[in-house]
Amino acid sequence: MESRRLGKTDIRLSPIIMGTWQTGKSMWTGIDDAQSEKAIQAAMDAGITTFDTAEVYGNGHSEKVLGKAIGSHRDKVVILSKVFSNHLKYDQVIAACDRSLKNLGTDYLDHYQVHWPPGSFGARPVPMEETMKALADLKDQGKIRAIGVSNFSLDQLKSICKIGPVESLQPPYSLLWRHVETDTLAWCQENRVTILAYSPMAQGLLTGKFGPDHQFENGDHRSSNRLFQADVYPHVQQTLDALRPIAEKKGITMAQLALAWVIAKPGVCAIAGARNARQAVDNAKAADVTLTEAELDEMDRISRPVIDRIDDNPVQWKW
């Protein structure tokens, strides 16, 4: 699998990154640790070198499962983790990083990201300068190799980039969720800030596995995703019906089509979750898919009835 540069660093990422939110179990249903470990190992065997996690995913459980699954192959992978919005004071950042290192069974993180902007989810706002000072010190100590942010607006991204080097932005980005295209994507491309797109399959919607009458189990956070709401969901189904012939003609799955669309953008990698080994291998194969300009244009046109019904709020969920 090809690799892509992380920002202005010499760190190389696989274009398909395995995401491990679901590995933490919290806010998901039907997740099995043994299957998660097999999925991570299958992803490595299939050429995925990069894995994204966070301290808040199951309160460290995702990190622990990921570290166990990687085992002795630490030197062959790139690990990304994140510090949550309630841990952005200097001492809290240091302590959170140390916990993540312990959970993962490693002495360094390749990339450490601020998960949500200061003040998110009711957390007390912390000056970005204080958080960046902690991250810079962790970098000087060799505990992290690079710094990134997640869920930041363009203005917030520009502000923190003035304080210190930021190599990536992790926003939601898929064929059906494209707020980042308004102005952020172009700015990141111009300034060599890598986009690490999460939910590139629209939380499973673009796999085509959810029918018109789908109901999520209790405890599955996807029930609050705005794409699943009654005013949008019928249009999503029509979009999926129009996308299926493209996938069938290319001999690929709908999931692979969705991932290929995301990584066709310069400077963008796609973070794809997997519950089991089969899904992980299928996701990896998306890196081999090439979409023509005509196919990209057609997919853009097909997605417009959904995009036009989404407001300017970049948060996917009705929390």
C-alpha atoms as a PDB file:
ATOM      1  CA  MET A   1       0.000   0.000   0.000  1.00  0.00           C
ATOM      2  CA  GLU A   2       1.270   3.475  -0.825  1.00  0.00           C
ATOM      3  CA  SER A   3       2.054   5.882   1.990  1.00  0.00           C
ATOM      4  CA  ARG A   4       1.289   9.554   2.439  1.00  0.00           C
ATOM      5  CA  ARG A   5       3.238  12.174   4.372  1.00  0.00           C
ATOM      6  CA  LEU A   6       1.796  13.489   7.628  1.00  0.00           C
ATOM      7  CA  GLY A   7       1.855  17.265   7.303  1.00  0.00           C
ATOM      8  CA  LYS A   8       5.400  18.568   7.029  1.00  0.00           C
ATOM      9  CA  THR A   9       6.933  15.642   8.955  1.00  0.00           C
ATOM     10  CA  ASP A  10       8.731  12.550   7.699  1.00  0.00           C
ATOM     11  CA  ILE A  11       6.004  10.323   9.217  1.00  0.00           C
ATOM     12  CA  ARG A  12       4.293   8.185   6.580  1.00  0.00           C
ATOM     13  CA  LEU A  13       0.650   7.149   6.872  1.00  0.00           C
ATOM     14  CA  SER A  14      -1.321   4.504   5.024  1.00  0.00           C
ATOM     15  CA  PRO A  15      -4.124   6.220   3.047  1.00  0.00           C
ATOM     16  CA  ILE A  16      -6.599   3.917   4.789  1.00  0.00           C
ATOM     17  CA  ILE A  17      -6.181   4.302   8.544  1.00  0.00           C
ATOM     18  CA  MET A  18      -7.889   1.882  10.894  1.00  0.00           C
ATOM     19  CA  GLY A  19     -10.083   3.703  13.392  1.00  0.00           C
ATOM     20  CA  THR A  20     -10.756   2.119  16.768  1.00  0.00           C
ATOM     21  CA  TRP A  21     -13.630   4.096  18.293  1.00  0.00           C
ATOM     22  CA  GLN A  22     -15.792   0.990  18.151  1.00  0.00           C
ATOM     23  CA  THR A  23     -12.999  -1.035  19.785  1.00  0.00           C
ATOM     24  CA  GLY A  24     -13.613   0.907  22.992  1.00  0.00           C
ATOM     25  CA  LYS A  25     -17.169  -0.542  23.103  1.00  0.00           C
ATOM     26  CA  SER A  26     -18.705   2.517  24.777  1.00  0.00           C
ATOM     27  CA  MET A  27     -21.485   4.029  22.580  1.00  0.00           C
ATOM     28  CA  TRP A  28     -21.441   0.933  20.348  1.00  0.00           C
ATOM     29  CA  THR A  29     -23.182  -2.443  20.515  1.00  0.00           C
ATOM     30  CA  GLY A  30     -22.078  -5.965  19.620  1.00  0.00           C
ATOM     31  CA  ILE A  31     -18.327  -5.340  19.914  1.00  0.00           C
ATOM     32  CA  ASP A  32     -16.120  -8.294  20.934  1.00  0.00           C
ATOM     33  CA  ASP A  33     -12.511  -7.779  22.081  1.00  0.00           C
ATOM     34  CA  ALA A  34     -11.233 -10.934  20.429  1.00  0.00           C
ATOM     35  CA  GLN A  35     -12.786  -9.925  17.116  1.00  0.00           C
ATOM     36  CA  SER A  36     -11.350  -6.424  17.483  1.00  0.00           C
ATOM     37  CA  GLU A  37      -7.855  -7.832  17.976  1.00  0.00           C
ATOM     38  CA  LYS A  38      -8.231 -10.050  14.923  1.00  0.00           C
ATOM     39  CA  ALA A  39      -9.441  -7.051  12.912  1.00  0.00           C
ATOM     40  CA  ILE A  40      -6.371  -5.019  13.870  1.00  0.00           C
ATOM     41  CA  GLN A  41      -4.028  -7.869  13.009  1.00  0.00           C
ATOM     42  CA  ALA A  42      -5.805  -8.486   9.698  1.00  0.00           C
ATOM     43  CA  ALA A  43      -5.490  -4.792   8.887  1.00  0.00           C
ATOM     44  CA  MET A  44      -1.728  -4.966   9.434  1.00  0.00           C
ATOM     45  CA  ASP A  45      -1.476  -8.056   7.243  1.00  0.00           C
ATOM     46  CA  ALA A  46      -3.459  -6.250   4.522  1.00  0.00           C
ATOM     47  CA  GLY A  47      -1.046  -3.311   4.437  1.00  0.00           C
ATOM     48  CA  ILE A  48      -2.645  -0.819   6.820  1.00  0.00           C
ATOM     49  CA  THR A  49       0.166   0.689   8.879  1.00  0.00           C
ATOM     50  CA  THR A  50      -1.690   3.447  10.712  1.00  0.00           C
ATOM     51  CA  PHE A  51      -4.118   3.171  13.636  1.00  0.00           C
ATOM     52  CA  ASP A  52      -6.182   5.916  15.267  1.00  0.00           C
ATOM     53  CA  THR A  53      -7.455   5.767  18.848  1.00  0.00           C
ATOM     54  CA  ALA A  54      -8.206   8.100  21.773  1.00  0.00           C
ATOM     55  CA  GLU A  55      -8.226   8.111  25.554  1.00  0.00           C
ATOM     56  CA  VAL A  56     -12.000   8.652  25.598  1.00  0.00           C
ATOM     57  CA  TYR A  57     -12.788   5.552  23.498  1.00  0.00           C
ATOM     58  CA  GLY A  58     -14.040   3.309  26.279  1.00  0.00           C
ATOM     59  CA  ASN A  59     -11.982   5.234  28.836  1.00  0.00           C
ATOM     60  CA  GLY A  60      -8.745   3.711  27.555  1.00  0.00           C
ATOM     61  CA  HIS A  61     -10.162   0.333  26.541  1.00  0.00           C
ATOM     62  CA  SER A  62      -9.618   0.954  22.836  1.00  0.00           C
ATOM     63  CA  GLU A  63      -5.971   1.830  23.468  1.00  0.00           C
ATOM     64  CA  LYS A  64      -5.451  -1.319  25.539  1.00  0.00           C
ATOM     65  CA  VAL A  65      -6.959  -3.603  22.890  1.00  0.00           C
ATOM     66  CA  LEU A  66      -4.969  -1.881  20.150  1.00  0.00           C
ATOM     67  CA  GLY A  67      -1.711  -2.170  22.076  1.00  0.00           C
ATOM     68  CA  LYS A  68      -2.301  -5.858  22.760  1.00  0.00           C
ATOM     69  CA  ALA A  69      -3.156  -6.569  19.126  1.00  0.00           C
ATOM     70  CA  ILE A  70      -0.066  -4.772  17.805  1.00  0.00           C
ATOM     71  CA  GLY A  71       2.154  -6.627  20.246  1.00  0.00           C
ATOM     72  CA  SER A  72       5.729  -6.959  19.023  1.00  0.00           C
ATOM     73  CA  HIS A  73       4.995  -5.146  15.741  1.00  0.00           C
ATOM     74  CA  ARG A  74       5.201  -1.641  17.230  1.00  0.00           C
ATOM     75  CA  ASP A  75       8.095  -0.654  14.949  1.00  0.00           C
ATOM     76  CA  LYS A  76       5.964  -1.478  11.884  1.00  0.00           C
ATOM     77  CA  VAL A  77       2.966   0.744  12.704  1.00  0.00           C
ATOM     78  CA  VAL A  78       2.060   4.388  13.241  1.00  0.00           C
ATOM     79  CA  ILE A  79      -0.142   5.085  16.266  1.00  0.00           C
ATOM     80  CA  LEU A  80      -2.372   8.145  16.570  1.00  0.00           C
ATOM     81  CA  SER A  81      -4.157   8.965  19.813  1.00  0.00           C
ATOM     82  CA  LYS A  82      -6.058  11.929  21.215  1.00  0.00           C
ATOM     83  CA  VAL A  83      -6.464  13.883  24.453  1.00  0.00           C
ATOM     84  CA  PHE A  84     -10.050  14.833  25.331  1.00  0.00           C
ATOM     85  CA  SER A  85     -11.419  18.339  25.892  1.00  0.00           C
ATOM     86  CA  ASN A  86     -11.562  17.942  29.703  1.00  0.00           C
ATOM     87  CA  HIS A  87      -7.805  17.284  29.895  1.00  0.00           C
ATOM     88  CA  LEU A  88      -6.312  20.320  28.165  1.00  0.00           C
ATOM     89  CA  LYS A  89      -4.560  22.040  31.084  1.00  0.00           C
ATOM     90  CA  TYR A  90      -0.796  21.552  31.062  1.00  0.00           C
ATOM     91  CA  ASP A  91      -0.572  18.883  33.778  1.00  0.00           C
ATOM     92  CA  GLN A  92      -3.677  17.116  32.457  1.00  0.00           C
ATOM     93  CA  VAL A  93      -2.211  16.793  28.945  1.00  0.00           C
ATOM     94  CA  ILE A  94       0.994  15.307  30.348  1.00  0.00           C
ATOM     95  CA  ALA A  95      -0.926  12.850  32.541  1.00  0.00           C
ATOM     96  CA  ALA A  96      -3.300  11.879  29.712  1.00  0.00           C
ATOM     97  CA  CYS A  97      -0.396  11.153  27.385  1.00  0.00           C
ATOM     98  CA  ASP A  98       1.299   9.006  30.011  1.00  0.00           C
ATOM     99  CA  ARG A  99      -1.928   7.021  30.502  1.00  0.00           C
ATOM    100  CA  SER A 100      -2.247   6.480  26.764  1.00  0.00           C
ATOM    101  CA  LEU A 101       1.348   5.292  26.530  1.00  0.00           C
ATOM    102  CA  LYS A 102       0.734   2.832  29.367  1.00  0.00           C
ATOM    103  CA  ASN A 103      -2.521   1.595  27.818  1.00  0.00           C
ATOM    104  CA  LEU A 104      -0.851   1.074  24.453  1.00  0.00           C
ATOM    105  CA  GLY A 105       2.270  -0.519  25.907  1.00  0.00           C
ATOM    106  CA  THR A 106       4.595   1.865  24.090  1.00  0.00           C
ATOM    107  CA  ASP A 107       6.997   4.643  25.038  1.00  0.00           C
ATOM    108  CA  TYR A 108       5.970   7.043  22.269  1.00  0.00           C
ATOM    109  CA  LEU A 109       3.013   8.101  20.132  1.00  0.00           C
ATOM    110  CA  ASP A 110       3.646   8.924  16.512  1.00  0.00           C
ATOM    111  CA  HIS A 111       0.897  11.546  16.538  1.00  0.00           C
ATOM    112  CA  TYR A 112      -1.038  13.113  19.418  1.00  0.00           C
ATOM    113  CA  GLN A 113      -4.169  15.132  18.744  1.00  0.00           C
ATOM    114  CA  VAL A 114      -6.469  17.482  20.635  1.00  0.00           C
ATOM    115  CA  HIS A 115      -9.749  15.585  20.275  1.00  0.00           C
ATOM    116  CA  TRP A 116     -12.169  18.532  20.566  1.00  0.00           C
ATOM    117  CA  PRO A 117     -11.560  22.280  20.905  1.00  0.00           C
ATOM    118  CA  PRO A 118     -11.227  23.842  24.367  1.00  0.00           C
ATOM    119  CA  GLY A 119     -14.611  24.280  26.059  1.00  0.00           C
ATOM    120  CA  SER A 120     -16.316  21.401  24.223  1.00  0.00           C
ATOM    121  CA  PHE A 121     -18.868  19.245  26.069  1.00  0.00           C
ATOM    122  CA  GLY A 122     -19.006  21.657  28.988  1.00  0.00           C
ATOM    123  CA  ALA A 123     -15.295  21.482  29.781  1.00  0.00           C
ATOM    124  CA  ARG A 124     -13.693  24.609  31.196  1.00  0.00           C
ATOM    125  CA  PRO A 125     -11.945  26.490  28.371  1.00  0.00           C
ATOM    126  CA  VAL A 126      -8.163  26.349  28.465  1.00  0.00           C
ATOM    127  CA  PRO A 127      -5.946  28.751  26.494  1.00  0.00           C
ATOM    128  CA  MET A 128      -4.536  27.032  23.438  1.00  0.00           C
ATOM    129  CA  GLU A 129      -1.095  28.316  24.419  1.00  0.00           C
ATOM    130  CA  GLU A 130      -1.178  26.222  27.597  1.00  0.00           C
ATOM    131  CA  THR A 131      -2.223  23.062  25.780  1.00  0.00           C
ATOM    132  CA  MET A 132       0.354  23.574  23.033  1.00  0.00           C
ATOM    133  CA  LYS A 133       3.095  24.153  25.622  1.00  0.00           C
ATOM    134  CA  ALA A 134       2.353  20.713  27.071  1.00  0.00           C
ATOM    135  CA  LEU A 135       2.313  19.112  23.624  1.00  0.00           C
ATOM    136  CA  ALA A 136       5.580  20.807  22.660  1.00  0.00           C
ATOM    137  CA  ASP A 137       7.213  19.567  25.862  1.00  0.00           C
ATOM    138  CA  LEU A 138       5.975  16.020  25.200  1.00  0.00           C
ATOM    139  CA  LYS A 139       7.486  16.261  21.741  1.00  0.00           C
ATOM    140  CA  ASP A 140      10.811  17.505  23.129  1.00  0.00           C
ATOM    141  CA  GLN A 141      10.797  14.548  25.549  1.00  0.00           C
ATOM    142  CA  GLY A 142      10.275  12.087  22.691  1.00  0.00           C
ATOM    143  CA  LYS A 143       6.896  10.916  23.973  1.00  0.00           C
ATOM    144  CA  ILE A 144       5.125  12.168  20.846  1.00  0.00           C
ATOM    145  CA  ARG A 145       6.456  12.771  17.340  1.00  0.00           C
ATOM    146  CA  ALA A 146       3.842  15.156  15.943  1.00  0.00           C
ATOM    147  CA  ILE A 147       0.828  17.261  16.956  1.00  0.00           C
ATOM    148  CA  GLY A 148      -2.654  17.417  15.445  1.00  0.00           C
ATOM    149  CA  VAL A 149      -6.184  18.612  16.184  1.00  0.00           C
ATOM    150  CA  SER A 150      -9.633  17.142  15.660  1.00  0.00           C
ATOM    151  CA  ASN A 151     -13.044  18.783  15.177  1.00  0.00           C
ATOM    152  CA  PHE A 152     -11.521  22.296  15.029  1.00  0.00           C
ATOM    153  CA  SER A 153     -13.069  24.967  12.851  1.00  0.00           C
ATOM    154  CA  LEU A 154     -10.848  26.678  10.303  1.00  0.00           C
ATOM    155  CA  ASP A 155     -10.525  29.755  12.527  1.00  0.00           C
ATOM    156  CA  GLN A 156      -9.541  27.577  15.485  1.00  0.00           C
ATOM    157  CA  LEU A 157      -7.067  25.694  13.313  1.00  0.00           C
ATOM    158  CA  LYS A 158      -5.477  28.908  12.086  1.00  0.00           C
ATOM    159  CA  SER A 159      -5.207  30.204  15.653  1.00  0.00           C
ATOM    160  CA  ILE A 160      -3.459  27.126  17.008  1.00  0.00           C
ATOM    161  CA  CYS A 161      -1.144  26.944  13.983  1.00  0.00           C
ATOM    162  CA  LYS A 162       0.155  30.388  14.974  1.00  0.00           C
ATOM    163  CA  ILE A 163       1.198  28.971  18.350  1.00  0.00           C
ATOM    164  CA  GLY A 164       3.055  25.893  17.140  1.00  0.00           C
ATOM    165  CA  PRO A 165       3.311  23.310  14.360  1.00  0.00           C
ATOM    166  CA  VAL A 166       0.109  21.366  13.739  1.00  0.00           C
ATOM    167  CA  GLU A 167       0.360  18.574  11.178  1.00  0.00           C
ATOM    168  CA  SER A 168      -3.230  17.425  10.796  1.00  0.00           C
ATOM    169  CA  LEU A 169      -6.909  18.156  11.178  1.00  0.00           C
ATOM    170  CA  GLN A 170      -9.317  15.295  11.873  1.00  0.00           C
ATOM    171  CA  PRO A 171     -12.849  16.263  10.762  1.00  0.00           C
ATOM    172  CA  PRO A 172     -15.886  14.214   9.713  1.00  0.00           C
ATOM    173  CA  TYR A 173     -15.681  13.892   5.940  1.00  0.00           C
ATOM    174  CA  SER A 174     -17.537  11.648   3.538  1.00  0.00           C
ATOM    175  CA  LEU A 175     -19.478  11.850   0.311  1.00  0.00           C
ATOM    176  CA  LEU A 176     -22.541  12.696   2.434  1.00  0.00           C
ATOM    177  CA  TRP A 177     -20.870  15.029   4.963  1.00  0.00           C
ATOM    178  CA  ARG A 178     -18.758  17.695   3.300  1.00  0.00           C
ATOM    179  CA  HIS A 179     -18.548  20.769   5.529  1.00  0.00           C
ATOM    180  CA  VAL A 180     -14.762  20.645   5.320  1.00  0.00           C
ATOM    181  CA  GLU A 181     -14.945  21.463   1.614  1.00  0.00           C
ATOM    182  CA  THR A 182     -16.329  24.957   2.233  1.00  0.00           C
ATOM    183  CA  ASP A 183     -12.898  26.461   2.869  1.00  0.00           C
ATOM    184  CA  THR A 184     -10.963  24.216   5.261  1.00  0.00           C
ATOM    185  CA  LEU A 185      -9.849  21.556   2.776  1.00  0.00           C
ATOM    186  CA  ALA A 186      -8.244  24.074   0.425  1.00  0.00           C
ATOM    187  CA  TRP A 187      -6.490  25.863   3.292  1.00  0.00           C
ATOM    188  CA  CYS A 188      -5.112  22.580   4.641  1.00  0.00           C
ATOM    189  CA  GLN A 189      -3.878  21.553   1.210  1.00  0.00           C
ATOM    190  CA  GLU A 190      -2.163  24.902   0.712  1.00  0.00           C
ATOM    191  CA  ASN A 191      -0.536  24.782   4.156  1.00  0.00           C
ATOM    192  CA  ARG A 192       0.412  21.093   4.157  1.00  0.00           C
ATOM    193  CA  VAL A 193      -1.918  20.135   6.985  1.00  0.00           C
ATOM    194  CA  THR A 194      -3.097  16.571   6.397  1.00  0.00           C
ATOM    195  CA  ILE A 195      -6.812  15.836   6.601  1.00  0.00           C
ATOM    196  CA  LEU A 196      -7.535  12.663   8.579  1.00  0.00           C
ATOM    197  CA  ALA A 197     -11.157  12.081   7.593  1.00  0.00           C
ATOM    198  CA  TYR A 198     -13.277  10.265  10.160  1.00  0.00           C
ATOM    199  CA  SER A 199     -16.636   8.662   9.374  1.00  0.00           C
ATOM    200  CA  PRO A 200     -15.660   8.361   5.674  1.00  0.00           C
ATOM    201  CA  MET A 201     -18.408   5.770   5.244  1.00  0.00           C
ATOM    202  CA  ALA A 202     -20.917   8.041   7.033  1.00  0.00           C
ATOM    203  CA  GLN A 203     -20.913   5.719  10.047  1.00  0.00           C
ATOM    204  CA  GLY A 204     -21.839   2.735   7.895  1.00  0.00           C
ATOM    205  CA  LEU A 205     -24.514   4.419   5.790  1.00  0.00           C
ATOM    206  CA  LEU A 206     -22.413   4.377   2.627  1.00  0.00           C
ATOM    207  CA  THR A 207     -21.839   0.635   2.950  1.00  0.00           C
ATOM    208  CA  GLY A 208     -25.476   0.232   1.893  1.00  0.00           C
ATOM    209  CA  LYS A 209     -26.205  -2.182   4.724  1.00  0.00           C
ATOM    210  CA  PHE A 210     -28.872  -0.030   6.396  1.00  0.00           C
ATOM    211  CA  GLY A 211     -32.241  -0.298   4.690  1.00  0.00           C
ATOM    212  CA  PRO A 212     -35.143   2.195   4.699  1.00  0.00           C
ATOM    213  CA  ASP A 213     -36.611   0.818   7.927  1.00  0.00           C
ATOM    214  CA  HIS A 214     -33.394   0.270   9.885  1.00  0.00           C
ATOM    215  CA  GLN A 215     -33.562   0.721  13.657  1.00  0.00           C
ATOM    216  CA  PHE A 216     -30.431   0.868  15.816  1.00  0.00           C
ATOM    217  CA  GLU A 217     -30.121  -1.070  19.064  1.00  0.00           C
ATOM    218  CA  ASN A 218     -30.327   0.852  22.321  1.00  0.00           C
ATOM    219  CA  GLY A 219     -26.934   2.293  23.179  1.00  0.00           C
ATOM    220  CA  ASP A 220     -25.783   2.750  19.585  1.00  0.00           C
ATOM    221  CA  HIS A 221     -24.831   6.416  19.203  1.00  0.00           C
ATOM    222  CA  ARG A 222     -25.495   6.333  15.462  1.00  0.00           C
ATOM    223  CA  SER A 223     -29.220   6.714  16.111  1.00  0.00           C
ATOM    224  CA  SER A 224     -28.512  10.406  16.785  1.00  0.00           C
ATOM    225  CA  ASN A 225     -26.537  10.931  13.560  1.00  0.00           C
ATOM    226  CA  ARG A 226     -28.253  13.654  11.564  1.00  0.00           C
ATOM    227  CA  LEU A 227     -28.018  11.613   8.353  1.00  0.00           C
ATOM    228  CA  PHE A 228     -30.299   9.013   9.939  1.00  0.00           C
ATOM    229  CA  GLN A 229     -33.025  11.526  10.823  1.00  0.00           C
ATOM    230  CA  ALA A 230     -36.430  11.308   9.141  1.00  0.00           C
ATOM    231  CA  ASP A 231     -36.045  14.462   7.035  1.00  0.00           C
ATOM    232  CA  VAL A 232     -32.768  13.276   5.471  1.00  0.00           C
ATOM    233  CA  TYR A 233     -32.749   9.476   5.561  1.00  0.00           C
ATOM    234  CA  PRO A 234     -35.116   8.865   2.580  1.00  0.00           C
ATOM    235  CA  HIS A 235     -32.839  11.006   0.399  1.00  0.00           C
ATOM    236  CA  VAL A 236     -29.845   9.011   1.645  1.00  0.00           C
ATOM    237  CA  GLN A 237     -31.531   5.831   0.477  1.00  0.00           C
ATOM    238  CA  GLN A 238     -32.112   7.327  -2.972  1.00  0.00           C
ATOM    239  CA  THR A 239     -28.449   8.328  -3.126  1.00  0.00           C
ATOM    240  CA  LEU A 240     -27.373   4.802  -2.224  1.00  0.00           C
ATOM    241  CA  ASP A 241     -29.565   3.370  -4.975  1.00  0.00           C
ATOM    242  CA  ALA A 242     -27.835   5.655  -7.481  1.00  0.00           C
ATOM    243  CA  LEU A 243     -24.346   4.768  -6.210  1.00  0.00           C
ATOM    244  CA  ARG A 244     -24.764   0.987  -6.390  1.00  0.00           C
ATOM    245  CA  PRO A 245     -24.367   0.759 -10.203  1.00  0.00           C
ATOM    246  CA  ILE A 246     -21.014   2.582  -9.967  1.00  0.00           C
ATOM    247  CA  ALA A 247     -19.698   0.107  -7.395  1.00  0.00           C
ATOM    248  CA  GLU A 248     -21.062  -2.863  -9.340  1.00  0.00           C
ATOM    249  CA  LYS A 249     -19.495  -1.688 -12.597  1.00  0.00           C
ATOM    250  CA  LYS A 250     -16.093  -1.384 -10.898  1.00  0.00           C
ATOM    251  CA  GLY A 251     -16.466  -4.725  -9.113  1.00  0.00           C
ATOM    252  CA  ILE A 252     -16.054  -3.204  -5.651  1.00  0.00           C
ATOM    253  CA  THR A 253     -18.195  -2.869  -2.544  1.00  0.00           C
ATOM    254  CA  MET A 254     -20.108   0.256  -1.613  1.00  0.00           C
ATOM    255  CA  ALA A 255     -17.752   0.704   1.357  1.00  0.00           C
ATOM    256  CA  GLN A 256     -14.721   0.604  -0.916  1.00  0.00           C
ATOM    257  CA  LEU A 257     -16.350   3.128  -3.230  1.00  0.00           C
ATOM    258  CA  ALA A 258     -16.960   5.497  -0.312  1.00  0.00           C
ATOM    259  CA  LEU A 259     -13.372   5.177   0.948  1.00  0.00           C
ATOM    260  CA  ALA A 260     -11.899   5.564  -2.525  1.00  0.00           C
ATOM    261  CA  TRP A 261     -13.847   8.807  -2.971  1.00  0.00           C
ATOM    262  CA  VAL A 262     -12.310  10.274   0.202  1.00  0.00           C
ATOM    263  CA  ILE A 263      -8.695   9.313  -0.496  1.00  0.00           C
ATOM    264  CA  ALA A 264      -8.976  10.582  -4.072  1.00  0.00           C
ATOM    265  CA  LYS A 265      -8.629  14.057  -2.514  1.00  0.00           C
ATOM    266  CA  PRO A 266      -4.997  15.273  -2.290  1.00  0.00           C
ATOM    267  CA  GLY A 267      -3.667  15.399   1.255  1.00  0.00           C
ATOM    268  CA  VAL A 268      -6.501  13.295   2.692  1.00  0.00           C
ATOM    269  CA  CYS A 269      -6.452   9.921   4.460  1.00  0.00           C
ATOM    270  CA  ALA A 270      -9.584   8.007   5.504  1.00  0.00           C
ATOM    271  CA  ILE A 271     -10.088   6.604   9.014  1.00  0.00           C
ATOM    272  CA  ALA A 272     -12.199   3.450   8.675  1.00  0.00           C
ATOM    273  CA  GLY A 273     -13.403   1.330  11.563  1.00  0.00           C
ATOM    274  CA  ALA A 274     -13.856  -2.433  11.458  1.00  0.00           C
ATOM    275  CA  ARG A 275     -15.636  -4.854  13.758  1.00  0.00           C
ATOM    276  CA  ASN A 276     -13.942  -7.954  12.378  1.00  0.00           C
ATOM    277  CA  ALA A 277     -11.097  -9.161  10.167  1.00  0.00           C
ATOM    278  CA  ARG A 278     -13.192  -9.341   7.011  1.00  0.00           C
ATOM    279  CA  GLN A 279     -14.212  -5.694   7.265  1.00  0.00           C
ATOM    280  CA  ALA A 280     -10.610  -4.640   7.931  1.00  0.00           C
ATOM    281  CA  VAL A 281      -9.321  -6.457   4.841  1.00  0.00           C
ATOM    282  CA  ASP A 282     -12.139  -5.084   2.680  1.00  0.00           C
ATOM    283  CA  ASN A 283     -11.345  -1.548   3.857  1.00  0.00           C
ATOM    284  CA  ALA A 284      -7.669  -1.970   3.013  1.00  0.00           C
ATOM    285  CA  LYS A 285      -8.537  -2.953  -0.561  1.00  0.00           C
ATOM    286  CA  ALA A 286     -10.046   0.506  -1.120  1.00  0.00           C
ATOM    287  CA  ALA A 287      -6.506   1.868  -1.396  1.00  0.00           C
ATOM    288  CA  ASP A 288      -6.208   0.053  -4.730  1.00  0.00           C
ATOM    289  CA  VAL A 289      -9.332   1.633  -6.232  1.00  0.00           C
ATOM    290  CA  THR A 290      -8.928   4.458  -8.745  1.00  0.00           C
ATOM    291  CA  LEU A 291     -11.894   6.665  -9.579  1.00  0.00           C
ATOM    292  CA  THR A 292     -11.979   8.598 -12.852  1.00  0.00           C
ATOM    293  CA  GLU A 293     -12.865  12.281 -12.985  1.00  0.00           C
ATOM    294  CA  ALA A 294     -16.165  11.322 -14.606  1.00  0.00           C
ATOM    295  CA  GLU A 295     -16.965   8.937 -11.741  1.00  0.00           C
ATOM    296  CA  LEU A 296     -16.040  11.549  -9.143  1.00  0.00           C
ATOM    297  CA  ASP A 297     -18.262  14.111 -10.867  1.00  0.00           C
ATOM    298  CA  GLU A 298     -21.147  11.651 -11.017  1.00  0.00           C
ATOM    299  CA  MET A 299     -20.784  10.812  -7.322  1.00  0.00           C
ATOM    300  CA  ASP A 300     -20.767  14.502  -6.508  1.00  0.00           C
ATOM    301  CA  ARG A 301     -23.996  14.999  -8.452  1.00  0.00           C
ATOM    302  CA  ILE A 302     -25.645  11.964  -6.860  1.00  0.00           C
ATOM    303  CA  SER A 303     -24.843  13.176  -3.333  1.00  0.00           C
ATOM    304  CA  ARG A 304     -26.278  16.686  -3.758  1.00  0.00           C
ATOM    305  CA  PRO A 305     -29.892  15.899  -2.690  1.00  0.00           C
ATOM    306  CA  VAL A 306     -28.486  14.874   0.713  1.00  0.00           C
ATOM    307  CA  ILE A 307     -25.838  17.585   1.017  1.00  0.00           C
ATOM    308  CA  ASP A 308     -28.391  20.298   0.266  1.00  0.00           C
ATOM    309  CA  ARG A 309     -30.522  19.185   3.244  1.00  0.00           C
ATOM    310  CA  ILE A 310     -27.710  19.451   5.803  1.00  0.00           C
ATOM    311  CA  ASP A 311     -27.296  22.767   7.625  1.00  0.00           C
ATOM    312  CA  ASP A 312     -24.016  24.496   8.472  1.00  0.00           C
ATOM    313  CA  ASN A 313     -23.514  22.741  11.826  1.00  0.00           C
ATOM    314  CA  PRO A 314     -20.387  20.595  11.315  1.00  0.00           C
ATOM    315  CA  VAL A 315     -21.225  18.199  14.190  1.00  0.00           C
ATOM    316  CA  GLN A 316     -22.799  15.025  12.833  1.00  0.00           C
ATOM    317  CA  TRP A 317     -24.877  14.121  15.864  1.00  0.00           C
ATOM    318  CA  LYS A 318     -27.907  15.669  17.531  1.00  0.00           C
ATOM    319  CA  TRP A 319     -26.341  15.610  20.993  1.00  0.00           C
END
